Amino acid sequence: MKANIINIGNSQGIIIPSMLLRKLNLSFKSSVQLEVENGSIVIKPASRQGWAEAALEMHAAGDDKPLLEDTMTDFDKEEWTW
């Protein structure tokens, strides 16, 4: 897909077609990571920041238990051949 570089204030940018944004689940003001690889500009969705710290806090608070209790029945445990 071809795009043209345009002026945006004192910077330059490109218009990204909405079809491409939808494929990456991106929208207006989404954070992205820009990289230069092999002479190309690569745009990737930014990884979630702070998720590891949040997971540690949940664990410390005891809030990291499964949402569903064990769903196995007596049939699953005793009669089913695994």
PDB file of N, CA and C in Angstrom:
ATOM      1  N   MET A   1       0.851  -1.170   0.000  1.00  0.00           N
ATOM      2  CA  MET A   1       0.000   0.000   0.000  1.00  0.00           C
ATOM      3  C   MET A   1       0.898   1.235   0.000  1.00  0.00           C
ATOM      4  N   LYS A   2       0.572   2.194  -0.805  1.00  0.00           N
ATOM      5  CA  LYS A   2       1.368   3.406  -0.937  1.00  0.00           C
ATOM      6  C   LYS A   2       0.734   4.534  -0.129  1.00  0.00           C
ATOM      7  N   ALA A   3       1.580   5.358   0.506  1.00  0.00           N
ATOM      8  CA  ALA A   3       1.111   6.533   1.243  1.00  0.00           C
ATOM      9  C   ALA A   3       2.111   7.659   1.008  1.00  0.00           C
ATOM     10  N   ASN A   4       1.657   8.884   1.132  1.00  0.00           N
ATOM     11  CA  ASN A   4       2.514  10.048   0.958  1.00  0.00           C
ATOM     12  C   ASN A   4       2.806  10.688   2.305  1.00  0.00           C
ATOM     13  N   ILE A   5       4.019  11.210   2.442  1.00  0.00           N
ATOM     14  CA  ILE A   5       4.390  11.948   3.646  1.00  0.00           C
ATOM     15  C   ILE A   5       3.790  13.342   3.533  1.00  0.00           C
ATOM     16  N   ILE A   6       3.130  13.784   4.602  1.00  0.00           N
ATOM     17  CA  ILE A   6       2.479  15.098   4.608  1.00  0.00           C
ATOM     18  C   ILE A   6       3.009  15.926   5.777  1.00  0.00           C
ATOM     19  N   ASN A   7       2.832  17.247   5.694  1.00  0.00           N
ATOM     20  CA  ASN A   7       3.194  18.132   6.796  1.00  0.00           C
ATOM     21  C   ASN A   7       2.092  18.121   7.845  1.00  0.00           C
ATOM     22  N   ILE A   8       2.513  17.997   9.092  1.00  0.00           N
ATOM     23  CA  ILE A   8       1.598  18.089  10.232  1.00  0.00           C
ATOM     24  C   ILE A   8       2.261  19.062  11.203  1.00  0.00           C
ATOM     25  N   GLY A   9       1.876  20.336  11.131  1.00  0.00           N
ATOM     26  CA  GLY A   9       2.546  21.360  11.929  1.00  0.00           C
ATOM     27  C   GLY A   9       3.998  21.460  11.509  1.00  0.00           C
ATOM     28  N   ASN A  10       4.914  21.373  12.483  1.00  0.00           N
ATOM     29  CA  ASN A  10       6.347  21.414  12.190  1.00  0.00           C
ATOM     30  C   ASN A  10       6.927  20.024  11.948  1.00  0.00           C
ATOM     31  N   SER A  11       6.084  19.012  11.927  1.00  0.00           N
ATOM     32  CA  SER A  11       6.532  17.631  11.727  1.00  0.00           C
ATOM     33  C   SER A  11       5.972  17.090  10.420  1.00  0.00           C
ATOM     34  N   GLN A  12       6.297  15.856  10.138  1.00  0.00           N
ATOM     35  CA  GLN A  12       5.740  15.174   8.984  1.00  0.00           C
ATOM     36  C   GLN A  12       5.087  13.884   9.462  1.00  0.00           C
ATOM     37  N   GLY A  13       4.167  13.375   8.652  1.00  0.00           N
ATOM     38  CA  GLY A  13       3.488  12.142   9.008  1.00  0.00           C
ATOM     39  C   GLY A  13       2.851  11.514   7.792  1.00  0.00           C
ATOM     40  N   ILE A  14       2.176  10.404   8.029  1.00  0.00           N
ATOM     41  CA  ILE A  14       1.416   9.742   6.970  1.00  0.00           C
ATOM     42  C   ILE A  14       0.016   9.458   7.502  1.00  0.00           C
ATOM     43  N   ILE A  15      -0.918   9.346   6.591  1.00  0.00           N
ATOM     44  CA  ILE A  15      -2.276   8.935   6.940  1.00  0.00           C
ATOM     45  C   ILE A  15      -2.312   7.415   6.850  1.00  0.00           C
ATOM     46  N   ILE A  16      -2.697   6.767   7.942  1.00  0.00           N
ATOM     47  CA  ILE A  16      -2.780   5.306   7.956  1.00  0.00           C
ATOM     48  C   ILE A  16      -4.230   4.919   7.695  1.00  0.00           C
ATOM     49  N   PRO A  17      -4.491   4.173   6.649  1.00  0.00           N
ATOM     50  CA  PRO A  17      -5.868   3.780   6.340  1.00  0.00           C
ATOM     51  C   PRO A  17      -6.508   3.012   7.503  1.00  0.00           C
ATOM     52  N   SER A  18      -7.792   3.270   7.723  1.00  0.00           N
ATOM     53  CA  SER A  18      -8.503   2.642   8.844  1.00  0.00           C
ATOM     54  C   SER A  18      -8.491   1.123   8.748  1.00  0.00           C
ATOM     55  N   MET A  19      -8.449   0.577   7.537  1.00  0.00           N
ATOM     56  CA  MET A  19      -8.400  -0.872   7.370  1.00  0.00           C
ATOM     57  C   MET A  19      -7.164  -1.452   8.064  1.00  0.00           C
ATOM     58  N   LEU A  20      -6.017  -0.787   7.911  1.00  0.00           N
ATOM     59  CA  LEU A  20      -4.793  -1.261   8.557  1.00  0.00           C
ATOM     60  C   LEU A  20      -4.881  -1.117  10.071  1.00  0.00           C
ATOM     61  N   LEU A  21      -5.447  -0.019  10.532  1.00  0.00           N
ATOM     62  CA  LEU A  21      -5.594   0.184  11.974  1.00  0.00           C
ATOM     63  C   LEU A  21      -6.481  -0.894  12.588  1.00  0.00           C
ATOM     64  N   ARG A  22      -7.567  -1.229  11.910  1.00  0.00           N
ATOM     65  CA  ARG A  22      -8.475  -2.273  12.424  1.00  0.00           C
ATOM     66  C   ARG A  22      -7.771  -3.619  12.506  1.00  0.00           C
ATOM     67  N   LYS A  23      -6.935  -3.922  11.524  1.00  0.00           N
ATOM     68  CA  LYS A  23      -6.221  -5.206  11.531  1.00  0.00           C
ATOM     69  C   LYS A  23      -5.315  -5.341  12.752  1.00  0.00           C
ATOM     70  N   LEU A  24      -4.813  -4.223  13.260  1.00  0.00           N
ATOM     71  CA  LEU A  24      -3.940  -4.237  14.435  1.00  0.00           C
ATOM     72  C   LEU A  24      -4.671  -3.827  15.706  1.00  0.00           C
ATOM     73  N   ASN A  25      -5.985  -3.656  15.612  1.00  0.00           N
ATOM     74  CA  ASN A  25      -6.795  -3.232  16.758  1.00  0.00           C
ATOM     75  C   ASN A  25      -6.289  -1.905  17.328  1.00  0.00           C
ATOM     76  N   LEU A  26      -5.975  -0.962  16.451  1.00  0.00           N
ATOM     77  CA  LEU A  26      -5.522   0.365  16.844  1.00  0.00           C
ATOM     78  C   LEU A  26      -6.592   1.388  16.498  1.00  0.00           C
ATOM     79  N   SER A  27      -6.578   2.494  17.219  1.00  0.00           N
ATOM     80  CA  SER A  27      -7.518   3.571  16.934  1.00  0.00           C
ATOM     81  C   SER A  27      -6.848   4.901  17.274  1.00  0.00           C
ATOM     82  N   PHE A  28      -7.599   5.974  17.165  1.00  0.00           N
ATOM     83  CA  PHE A  28      -7.099   7.317  17.444  1.00  0.00           C
ATOM     84  C   PHE A  28      -6.459   7.355  18.831  1.00  0.00           C
ATOM     85  N   LYS A  29      -5.260   7.872  18.915  1.00  0.00           N
ATOM     86  CA  LYS A  29      -4.470   8.012  20.142  1.00  0.00           C
ATOM     87  C   LYS A  29      -3.925   6.696  20.691  1.00  0.00           C
ATOM     88  N   SER A  30      -3.988   5.596  19.934  1.00  0.00           N
ATOM     89  CA  SER A  30      -3.347   4.355  20.375  1.00  0.00           C
ATOM     90  C   SER A  30      -1.841   4.576  20.441  1.00  0.00           C
ATOM     91  N   SER A  31      -1.192   3.964  21.415  1.00  0.00           N
ATOM     92  CA  SER A  31       0.267   4.033  21.514  1.00  0.00           C
ATOM     93  C   SER A  31       0.885   3.003  20.578  1.00  0.00           C
ATOM     94  N   VAL A  32       1.917   3.425  19.868  1.00  0.00           N
ATOM     95  CA  VAL A  32       2.621   2.520  18.966  1.00  0.00           C
ATOM     96  C   VAL A  32       4.118   2.636  19.204  1.00  0.00           C
ATOM     97  N   GLN A  33       4.833   1.634  18.762  1.00  0.00           N
ATOM     98  CA  GLN A  33       6.295   1.608  18.821  1.00  0.00           C
ATOM     99  C   GLN A  33       6.814   1.777  17.402  1.00  0.00           C
ATOM    100  N   LEU A  34       7.709   2.738  17.187  1.00  0.00           N
ATOM    101  CA  LEU A  34       8.309   2.962  15.873  1.00  0.00           C
ATOM    102  C   LEU A  34       9.734   2.428  15.886  1.00  0.00           C
ATOM    103  N   GLU A  35      10.080   1.667  14.859  1.00  0.00           N
ATOM    104  CA  GLU A  35      11.424   1.101  14.747  1.00  0.00           C
ATOM    105  C   GLU A  35      11.890   1.207  13.302  1.00  0.00           C
ATOM    106  N   VAL A  36      13.191   1.284  13.124  1.00  0.00           N
ATOM    107  CA  VAL A  36      13.782   1.229  11.790  1.00  0.00           C
ATOM    108  C   VAL A  36      14.442  -0.135  11.662  1.00  0.00           C
ATOM    109  N   GLU A  37      13.992  -0.912  10.680  1.00  0.00           N
ATOM    110  CA  GLU A  37      14.540  -2.248  10.445  1.00  0.00           C
ATOM    111  C   GLU A  37      14.811  -2.427   8.957  1.00  0.00           C
ATOM    112  N   ASN A  38      16.040  -2.728   8.631  1.00  0.00           N
ATOM    113  CA  ASN A  38      16.422  -3.008   7.242  1.00  0.00           C
ATOM    114  C   ASN A  38      15.946  -1.926   6.273  1.00  0.00           C
ATOM    115  N   GLY A  39      16.133  -0.673   6.644  1.00  0.00           N
ATOM    116  CA  GLY A  39      15.766   0.425   5.765  1.00  0.00           C
ATOM    117  C   GLY A  39      14.281   0.723   5.701  1.00  0.00           C
ATOM    118  N   SER A  40      13.498   0.162   6.632  1.00  0.00           N
ATOM    119  CA  SER A  40      12.049   0.384   6.657  1.00  0.00           C
ATOM    120  C   SER A  40      11.625   0.922   8.017  1.00  0.00           C
ATOM    121  N   ILE A  41      10.559   1.687   8.024  1.00  0.00           N
ATOM    122  CA  ILE A  41       9.952   2.119   9.282  1.00  0.00           C
ATOM    123  C   ILE A  41       8.886   1.096   9.637  1.00  0.00           C
ATOM    124  N   VAL A  42       8.997   0.530  10.822  1.00  0.00           N
ATOM    125  CA  VAL A  42       8.051  -0.483  11.282  1.00  0.00           C
ATOM    126  C   VAL A  42       7.228   0.124  12.411  1.00  0.00           C
ATOM    127  N   ILE A  43       5.908   0.032  12.291  1.00  0.00           N
ATOM    128  CA  ILE A  43       4.991   0.535  13.313  1.00  0.00           C
ATOM    129  C   ILE A  43       4.323  -0.667  13.959  1.00  0.00           C
ATOM    130  N   LYS A  44       4.490  -0.802  15.286  1.00  0.00           N
ATOM    131  CA  LYS A  44       3.908  -1.924  16.020  1.00  0.00           C
ATOM    132  C   LYS A  44       3.068  -1.387  17.170  1.00  0.00           C
ATOM    133  N   PRO A  45       2.016  -2.111  17.543  1.00  0.00           N
ATOM    134  CA  PRO A  45       1.283  -1.706  18.746  1.00  0.00           C
ATOM    135  C   PRO A  45       2.244  -1.702  19.931  1.00  0.00           C
ATOM    136  N   ALA A  46       2.169  -0.679  20.770  1.00  0.00           N
ATOM    137  CA  ALA A  46       3.035  -0.610  21.948  1.00  0.00           C
ATOM    138  C   ALA A  46       2.606  -1.666  22.952  1.00  0.00           C
ATOM    139  N   SER A  47       3.593  -2.305  23.559  1.00  0.00           N
ATOM    140  CA  SER A  47       3.261  -3.295  24.581  1.00  0.00           C
ATOM    141  C   SER A  47       2.678  -2.576  25.791  1.00  0.00           C
ATOM    142  N   ARG A  48       1.830  -3.293  26.499  1.00  0.00           N
ATOM    143  CA  ARG A  48       1.197  -2.697  27.672  1.00  0.00           C
ATOM    144  C   ARG A  48       2.262  -2.411  28.719  1.00  0.00           C
ATOM    145  N   GLN A  49       2.262  -1.200  29.220  1.00  0.00           N
ATOM    146  CA  GLN A  49       3.238  -0.824  30.228  1.00  0.00           C
ATOM    147  C   GLN A  49       2.628  -0.998  31.609  1.00  0.00           C
ATOM    148  N   GLY A  50       3.418  -1.525  32.524  1.00  0.00           N
ATOM    149  CA  GLY A  50       2.980  -1.664  33.904  1.00  0.00           C
ATOM    150  C   GLY A  50       2.238  -2.947  34.208  1.00  0.00           C
ATOM    151  N   TRP A  51       2.051  -3.839  33.226  1.00  0.00           N
ATOM    152  CA  TRP A  51       1.268  -5.049  33.480  1.00  0.00           C
ATOM    153  C   TRP A  51       1.985  -5.984  34.440  1.00  0.00           C
ATOM    154  N   ALA A  52       3.311  -6.061  34.364  1.00  0.00           N
ATOM    155  CA  ALA A  52       4.051  -6.963  35.252  1.00  0.00           C
ATOM    156  C   ALA A  52       3.925  -6.506  36.701  1.00  0.00           C
ATOM    157  N   GLU A  53       4.041  -5.208  36.927  1.00  0.00           N
ATOM    158  CA  GLU A  53       3.903  -4.675  38.280  1.00  0.00           C
ATOM    159  C   GLU A  53       2.491  -4.896  38.808  1.00  0.00           C
ATOM    160  N   ALA A  54       1.497  -4.707  37.939  1.00  0.00           N
ATOM    161  CA  ALA A  54       0.105  -4.923  38.353  1.00  0.00           C
ATOM    162  C   ALA A  54      -0.129  -6.383  38.720  1.00  0.00           C
ATOM    163  N   ALA A  55       0.472  -7.307  37.976  1.00  0.00           N
ATOM    164  CA  ALA A  55       0.321  -8.732  38.281  1.00  0.00           C
ATOM    165  C   ALA A  55       0.948  -9.061  39.630  1.00  0.00           C
ATOM    166  N   LEU A  56       2.103  -8.471  39.929  1.00  0.00           N
ATOM    167  CA  LEU A  56       2.740  -8.698  41.230  1.00  0.00           C
ATOM    168  C   LEU A  56       1.885  -8.150  42.368  1.00  0.00           C
ATOM    169  N   GLU A  57       1.279  -6.983  42.163  1.00  0.00           N
ATOM    170  CA  GLU A  57       0.395  -6.405  43.182  1.00  0.00           C
ATOM    171  C   GLU A  57      -0.824  -7.289  43.407  1.00  0.00           C
ATOM    172  N   MET A  58      -1.398  -7.810  42.329  1.00  0.00           N
ATOM    173  CA  MET A  58      -2.548  -8.710  42.467  1.00  0.00           C
ATOM    174  C   MET A  58      -2.161  -9.955  43.253  1.00  0.00           C
ATOM    175  N   HIS A  59      -0.983 -10.503  42.968  1.00  0.00           N
ATOM    176  CA  HIS A  59      -0.531 -11.700  43.672  1.00  0.00           C
ATOM    177  C   HIS A  59      -0.343 -11.407  45.161  1.00  0.00           C
ATOM    178  N   ALA A  60       0.287 -10.274  45.473  1.00  0.00           N
ATOM    179  CA  ALA A  60       0.521  -9.899  46.869  1.00  0.00           C
ATOM    180  C   ALA A  60      -0.793  -9.715  47.622  1.00  0.00           C
ATOM    181  N   ALA A  61      -1.822  -9.243  46.923  1.00  0.00           N
ATOM    182  CA  ALA A  61      -3.133  -9.024  47.545  1.00  0.00           C
ATOM    183  C   ALA A  61      -3.990 -10.286  47.526  1.00  0.00           C
ATOM    184  N   GLY A  62      -3.476 -11.377  46.955  1.00  0.00           N
ATOM    185  CA  GLY A  62      -4.252 -12.617  46.874  1.00  0.00           C
ATOM    186  C   GLY A  62      -5.375 -12.552  45.861  1.00  0.00           C
ATOM    187  N   ASP A  63      -5.245 -11.656  44.895  1.00  0.00           N
ATOM    188  CA  ASP A  63      -6.311 -11.443  43.914  1.00  0.00           C
ATOM    189  C   ASP A  63      -5.968 -12.062  42.559  1.00  0.00           C
ATOM    190  N   ASP A  64      -5.144 -13.105  42.566  1.00  0.00           N
ATOM    191  CA  ASP A  64      -4.759 -13.729  41.300  1.00  0.00           C
ATOM    192  C   ASP A  64      -5.237 -15.172  41.216  1.00  0.00           C
ATOM    193  N   LYS A  65      -6.366 -15.431  41.833  1.00  0.00           N
ATOM    194  CA  LYS A  65      -6.949 -16.772  41.809  1.00  0.00           C
ATOM    195  C   LYS A  65      -7.743 -16.961  40.519  1.00  0.00           C
ATOM    196  N   PRO A  66      -7.938 -18.216  40.082  1.00  0.00           N
ATOM    197  CA  PRO A  66      -8.755 -18.458  38.888  1.00  0.00           C
ATOM    198  C   PRO A  66     -10.170 -17.903  39.063  1.00  0.00           C
ATOM    199  N   LEU A  67     -10.741 -17.408  37.981  1.00  0.00           N
ATOM    200  CA  LEU A  67     -12.101 -16.872  38.039  1.00  0.00           C
ATOM    201  C   LEU A  67     -13.129 -17.977  38.225  1.00  0.00           C
ATOM    202  N   LEU A  68     -12.839 -19.159  37.699  1.00  0.00           N
ATOM    203  CA  LEU A  68     -13.746 -20.297  37.841  1.00  0.00           C
ATOM    204  C   LEU A  68     -13.107 -21.331  38.747  1.00  0.00           C
ATOM    205  N   GLU A  69     -13.898 -21.864  39.643  1.00  0.00           N
ATOM    206  CA  GLU A  69     -13.404 -22.957  40.470  1.00  0.00           C
ATOM    207  C   GLU A  69     -13.228 -24.186  39.593  1.00  0.00           C
ATOM    208  N   ASP A  70     -12.663 -25.225  40.161  1.00  0.00           N
ATOM    209  CA  ASP A  70     -12.467 -26.475  39.435  1.00  0.00           C
ATOM    210  C   ASP A  70     -13.808 -26.943  38.881  1.00  0.00           C
ATOM    211  N   THR A  71     -13.887 -27.117  37.582  1.00  0.00           N
ATOM    212  CA  THR A  71     -15.152 -27.496  36.946  1.00  0.00           C
ATOM    213  C   THR A  71     -15.251 -28.990  36.682  1.00  0.00           C
ATOM    214  N   MET A  72     -14.264 -29.746  37.140  1.00  0.00           N
ATOM    215  CA  MET A  72     -14.314 -31.189  36.922  1.00  0.00           C
ATOM    216  C   MET A  72     -15.375 -31.810  37.831  1.00  0.00           C
ATOM    217  N   THR A  73     -16.120 -32.743  37.287  1.00  0.00           N
ATOM    218  CA  THR A  73     -17.146 -33.456  38.055  1.00  0.00           C
ATOM    219  C   THR A  73     -16.593 -34.811  38.480  1.00  0.00           C
ATOM    220  N   ASP A  74     -17.380 -35.545  39.263  1.00  0.00           N
ATOM    221  CA  ASP A  74     -16.967 -36.895  39.654  1.00  0.00           C
ATOM    222  C   ASP A  74     -16.744 -37.756  38.421  1.00  0.00           C
ATOM    223  N   PHE A  75     -17.583 -37.570  37.399  1.00  0.00           N
ATOM    224  CA  PHE A  75     -17.406 -38.328  36.155  1.00  0.00           C
ATOM    225  C   PHE A  75     -16.012 -38.089  35.585  1.00  0.00           C
ATOM    226  N   ASP A  76     -15.606 -36.803  35.533  1.00  0.00           N
ATOM    227  CA  ASP A  76     -14.295 -36.469  34.983  1.00  0.00           C
ATOM    228  C   ASP A  76     -13.173 -37.109  35.792  1.00  0.00           C
ATOM    229  N   LYS A  77     -13.326 -37.133  37.103  1.00  0.00           N
ATOM    230  CA  LYS A  77     -12.260 -37.624  37.976  1.00  0.00           C
ATOM    231  C   LYS A  77     -12.221 -39.146  38.065  1.00  0.00           C
ATOM    232  N   GLU A  78     -13.385 -39.792  38.070  1.00  0.00           N
ATOM    233  CA  GLU A  78     -13.439 -41.221  38.372  1.00  0.00           C
ATOM    234  C   GLU A  78     -13.781 -42.111  37.180  1.00  0.00           C
ATOM    235  N   GLU A  79     -14.647 -41.638  36.283  1.00  0.00           N
ATOM    236  CA  GLU A  79     -15.136 -42.515  35.227  1.00  0.00           C
ATOM    237  C   GLU A  79     -14.461 -42.293  33.877  1.00  0.00           C
ATOM    238  N   TRP A  80     -13.991 -41.113  33.640  1.00  0.00           N
ATOM    239  CA  TRP A  80     -13.384 -40.795  32.350  1.00  0.00           C
ATOM    240  C   TRP A  80     -11.985 -41.386  32.283  1.00  0.00           C
ATOM    241  N   THR A  81     -11.642 -41.976  31.158  1.00  0.00           N
ATOM    242  CA  THR A  81     -10.296 -42.505  30.967  1.00  0.00           C
ATOM    243  C   THR A  81      -9.477 -41.464  30.227  1.00  0.00           C
ATOM    244  N   TRP A  82      -8.451 -40.983  30.890  1.00  0.00           N
ATOM    245  CA  TRP A  82      -7.600 -39.950  30.299  1.00  0.00           C
ATOM    246  C   TRP A  82      -6.523 -40.579  29.482  1.00  0.00           C
TER     247      TRP A  82
END
